[in-house]
Amino acid sequence: QVQLVESGGGLVQAGDSLRLSCAASGVSFSRYYMGWFRQAPGKEREFVAAINWNDATYADSVKGRFTISRDRAKITVYLQMNSLKPEDTAVYYCAAVGTKFSDAGSYGYWGQGTQVTVSP
């Protein structure tokens, strides 16, 4: 039984910060990636960030602003989002058991998503 539960989304203004959390159960950080993806209205789902035991990777659009981290004791992945922009507005999804860090199709499990809205 695998469950991924995202939290931490909300409504903020441009320039503000937000931290998303993904609490996982029934999965392991060993070998595979855990990642964050987002989908805005009218847009395709896009890669945001991913992490495994020794590697963290980011989309060019969020480099320098977002940081992904993990807590193995709680099996939780975080996404610290700073300097938020209106174009960051989307539903953010946590994904687990990925074999290709930026490929949504390589992840076996997904959370329900959490809404992030950034006003101008």
C-alpha atoms as a PDB file:
ATOM      1  CA  GLN A   1       0.000   0.000   0.000  1.00  0.00           C
ATOM      2  CA  VAL A   2       1.703   3.149  -1.274  1.00  0.00           C
ATOM      3  CA  GLN A   3       0.420   6.596  -0.367  1.00  0.00           C
ATOM      4  CA  LEU A   4       1.778  10.046  -1.177  1.00  0.00           C
ATOM      5  CA  VAL A   5       0.147  13.064   0.467  1.00  0.00           C
ATOM      6  CA  GLU A   6       1.102  16.605  -0.542  1.00  0.00           C
ATOM      7  CA  SER A   7       0.504  19.627   1.638  1.00  0.00           C
ATOM      8  CA  GLY A   8       1.618  23.234   1.977  1.00  0.00           C
ATOM      9  CA  GLY A   9       0.024  24.836  -1.047  1.00  0.00           C
ATOM     10  CA  GLY A  10      -1.777  28.132  -0.847  1.00  0.00           C
ATOM     11  CA  LEU A  11      -2.280  31.627  -2.185  1.00  0.00           C
ATOM     12  CA  VAL A  12       0.696  33.986  -2.064  1.00  0.00           C
ATOM     13  CA  GLN A  13       1.916  37.118  -3.782  1.00  0.00           C
ATOM     14  CA  ALA A  14       4.782  37.341  -6.237  1.00  0.00           C
ATOM     15  CA  GLY A  15       8.107  37.289  -4.425  1.00  0.00           C
ATOM     16  CA  ASP A  16       6.800  35.265  -1.487  1.00  0.00           C
ATOM     17  CA  SER A  17       7.938  31.814  -0.385  1.00  0.00           C
ATOM     18  CA  LEU A  18       6.139  28.545   0.208  1.00  0.00           C
ATOM     19  CA  ARG A  19       7.210  25.065   1.286  1.00  0.00           C
ATOM     20  CA  LEU A  20       5.486  21.963   0.001  1.00  0.00           C
ATOM     21  CA  SER A  21       5.667  18.617   1.761  1.00  0.00           C
ATOM     22  CA  CYS A  22       5.114  15.110   0.466  1.00  0.00           C
ATOM     23  CA  ALA A  23       4.596  12.483   3.144  1.00  0.00           C
ATOM     24  CA  ALA A  24       5.169   9.013   1.757  1.00  0.00           C
ATOM     25  CA  SER A  25       4.300   5.588   3.066  1.00  0.00           C
ATOM     26  CA  GLY A  26       5.073   2.205   1.594  1.00  0.00           C
ATOM     27  CA  VAL A  27       8.005   3.511  -0.466  1.00  0.00           C
ATOM     28  CA  SER A  28      11.766   3.789  -0.067  1.00  0.00           C
ATOM     29  CA  PHE A  29      14.321   6.404  -1.085  1.00  0.00           C
ATOM     30  CA  SER A  30      16.702   3.642  -2.107  1.00  0.00           C
ATOM     31  CA  ARG A  31      17.824   3.770  -5.749  1.00  0.00           C
ATOM     32  CA  TYR A  32      14.779   5.515  -7.210  1.00  0.00           C
ATOM     33  CA  TYR A  33      13.905   9.178  -7.584  1.00  0.00           C
ATOM     34  CA  MET A  34      11.156  11.091  -5.859  1.00  0.00           C
ATOM     35  CA  GLY A  35      10.023  14.115  -7.780  1.00  0.00           C
ATOM     36  CA  TRP A  36       7.806  17.150  -8.029  1.00  0.00           C
ATOM     37  CA  PHE A  37       5.801  17.947 -11.136  1.00  0.00           C
ATOM     38  CA  ARG A  38       3.279  20.691 -11.797  1.00  0.00           C
ATOM     39  CA  GLN A  39       0.382  21.300 -14.120  1.00  0.00           C
ATOM     40  CA  ALA A  40      -1.244  24.643 -14.856  1.00  0.00           C
ATOM     41  CA  PRO A  41      -4.636  25.079 -16.547  1.00  0.00           C
ATOM     42  CA  GLY A  42      -4.299  24.513 -20.269  1.00  0.00           C
ATOM     43  CA  LYS A  43      -0.727  23.276 -19.917  1.00  0.00           C
ATOM     44  CA  GLU A  44       0.989  19.901 -19.964  1.00  0.00           C
ATOM     45  CA  ARG A  45       2.388  18.446 -16.785  1.00  0.00           C
ATOM     46  CA  GLU A  46       5.993  19.553 -16.396  1.00  0.00           C
ATOM     47  CA  PHE A  47       8.989  18.473 -14.371  1.00  0.00           C
ATOM     48  CA  VAL A  48      10.016  20.678 -11.446  1.00  0.00           C
ATOM     49  CA  ALA A  49      12.595  18.825  -9.337  1.00  0.00           C
ATOM     50  CA  ALA A  50      13.704  15.337  -8.333  1.00  0.00           C
ATOM     51  CA  ILE A  51      15.955  13.772  -5.724  1.00  0.00           C
ATOM     52  CA  ASN A  52      17.487  10.425  -4.852  1.00  0.00           C
ATOM     53  CA  TRP A  53      20.202   9.311  -2.423  1.00  0.00           C
ATOM     54  CA  ASN A  54      22.977  11.354  -4.058  1.00  0.00           C
ATOM     55  CA  ASP A  55      21.427  13.592  -6.687  1.00  0.00           C
ATOM     56  CA  ALA A  56      19.074  16.559  -6.940  1.00  0.00           C
ATOM     57  CA  THR A  57      17.966  17.940 -10.290  1.00  0.00           C
ATOM     58  CA  TYR A  58      15.870  20.971 -11.247  1.00  0.00           C
ATOM     59  CA  ALA A  59      14.040  22.319 -14.230  1.00  0.00           C
ATOM     60  CA  ASP A  60      15.706  25.396 -15.709  1.00  0.00           C
ATOM     61  CA  SER A  61      12.630  27.470 -14.904  1.00  0.00           C
ATOM     62  CA  VAL A  62      13.065  26.991 -11.138  1.00  0.00           C
ATOM     63  CA  LYS A  63      16.848  26.763 -10.707  1.00  0.00           C
ATOM     64  CA  GLY A  64      18.078  29.172  -8.070  1.00  0.00           C
ATOM     65  CA  ARG A  65      14.581  29.627  -6.630  1.00  0.00           C
ATOM     66  CA  PHE A  66      13.371  26.150  -5.617  1.00  0.00           C
ATOM     67  CA  THR A  67      15.132  23.588  -3.432  1.00  0.00           C
ATOM     68  CA  ILE A  68      14.179  19.941  -3.047  1.00  0.00           C
ATOM     69  CA  SER A  69      15.163  18.070   0.110  1.00  0.00           C
ATOM     70  CA  ARG A  70      14.348  14.852   1.903  1.00  0.00           C
ATOM     71  CA  ASP A  71      13.950  13.474   5.402  1.00  0.00           C
ATOM     72  CA  ARG A  72      14.560   9.735   5.375  1.00  0.00           C
ATOM     73  CA  ALA A  73      13.408   9.270   8.967  1.00  0.00           C
ATOM     74  CA  LYS A  74       9.941  10.557   8.093  1.00  0.00           C
ATOM     75  CA  ILE A  75      10.084   9.465   4.431  1.00  0.00           C
ATOM     76  CA  THR A  76       9.143  12.983   3.452  1.00  0.00           C
ATOM     77  CA  VAL A  77      10.210  15.126   0.513  1.00  0.00           C
ATOM     78  CA  TYR A  78      10.034  18.907   0.573  1.00  0.00           C
ATOM     79  CA  LEU A  79      10.016  21.608  -2.053  1.00  0.00           C
ATOM     80  CA  GLN A  80      11.096  25.021  -0.789  1.00  0.00           C
ATOM     81  CA  MET A  81       9.884  27.629  -3.253  1.00  0.00           C
ATOM     82  CA  ASN A  82      11.307  31.140  -3.046  1.00  0.00           C
ATOM     83  CA  SER A  83      10.816  34.229  -5.192  1.00  0.00           C
ATOM     84  CA  LEU A  84       7.553  32.853  -6.497  1.00  0.00           C
ATOM     85  CA  LYS A  85       6.219  34.176  -9.789  1.00  0.00           C
ATOM     86  CA  PRO A  86       2.689  34.161 -11.226  1.00  0.00           C
ATOM     87  CA  GLU A  87       3.854  31.611 -13.802  1.00  0.00           C
ATOM     88  CA  ASP A  88       4.544  29.188 -10.935  1.00  0.00           C
ATOM     89  CA  THR A  89       0.782  28.903 -10.399  1.00  0.00           C
ATOM     90  CA  ALA A  90      -0.188  25.250 -10.830  1.00  0.00           C
ATOM     91  CA  VAL A  91      -1.227  22.092  -9.091  1.00  0.00           C
ATOM     92  CA  TYR A  92       1.938  20.512  -7.722  1.00  0.00           C
ATOM     93  CA  TYR A  93       2.206  16.725  -7.612  1.00  0.00           C
ATOM     94  CA  CYS A  94       4.592  14.503  -5.710  1.00  0.00           C
ATOM     95  CA  ALA A  95       5.751  11.341  -7.466  1.00  0.00           C
ATOM     96  CA  ALA A  96       7.709   8.311  -6.275  1.00  0.00           C
ATOM     97  CA  VAL A  97       9.658   5.348  -7.631  1.00  0.00           C
ATOM     98  CA  GLY A  98      11.015   7.129 -10.666  1.00  0.00           C
ATOM     99  CA  THR A  99      13.770   5.760 -12.883  1.00  0.00           C
ATOM    100  CA  LYS A 100      14.229   8.866 -15.058  1.00  0.00           C
ATOM    101  CA  PHE A 101      14.319  12.043 -13.018  1.00  0.00           C
ATOM    102  CA  SER A 102      12.366  14.319 -15.373  1.00  0.00           C
ATOM    103  CA  ASP A 103      10.128  11.743 -17.068  1.00  0.00           C
ATOM    104  CA  ALA A 104       6.668  11.614 -15.503  1.00  0.00           C
ATOM    105  CA  GLY A 105       6.026   8.298 -17.208  1.00  0.00           C
ATOM    106  CA  SER A 106       8.875   6.652 -15.287  1.00  0.00           C
ATOM    107  CA  TYR A 107       7.254   7.262 -11.880  1.00  0.00           C
ATOM    108  CA  GLY A 108       5.018   4.572 -10.464  1.00  0.00           C
ATOM    109  CA  TYR A 109       3.105   6.474  -7.785  1.00  0.00           C
ATOM    110  CA  TRP A 110       1.524   9.920  -7.503  1.00  0.00           C
ATOM    111  CA  GLY A 111      -0.048  12.087  -4.846  1.00  0.00           C
ATOM    112  CA  GLN A 112      -3.325  13.962  -5.117  1.00  0.00           C
ATOM    113  CA  GLY A 113      -1.720  17.340  -5.742  1.00  0.00           C
ATOM    114  CA  THR A 114      -1.702  20.650  -3.892  1.00  0.00           C
ATOM    115  CA  GLN A 115      -2.675  23.990  -5.411  1.00  0.00           C
ATOM    116  CA  VAL A 116      -0.174  26.844  -5.516  1.00  0.00           C
ATOM    117  CA  THR A 117      -1.480  30.215  -6.649  1.00  0.00           C
ATOM    118  CA  VAL A 118       0.791  33.232  -7.031  1.00  0.00           C
ATOM    119  CA  SER A 119      -0.866  36.596  -7.561  1.00  0.00           C
ATOM    120  CA  PRO A 120       0.893  39.508  -9.280  1.00  0.00           C
END
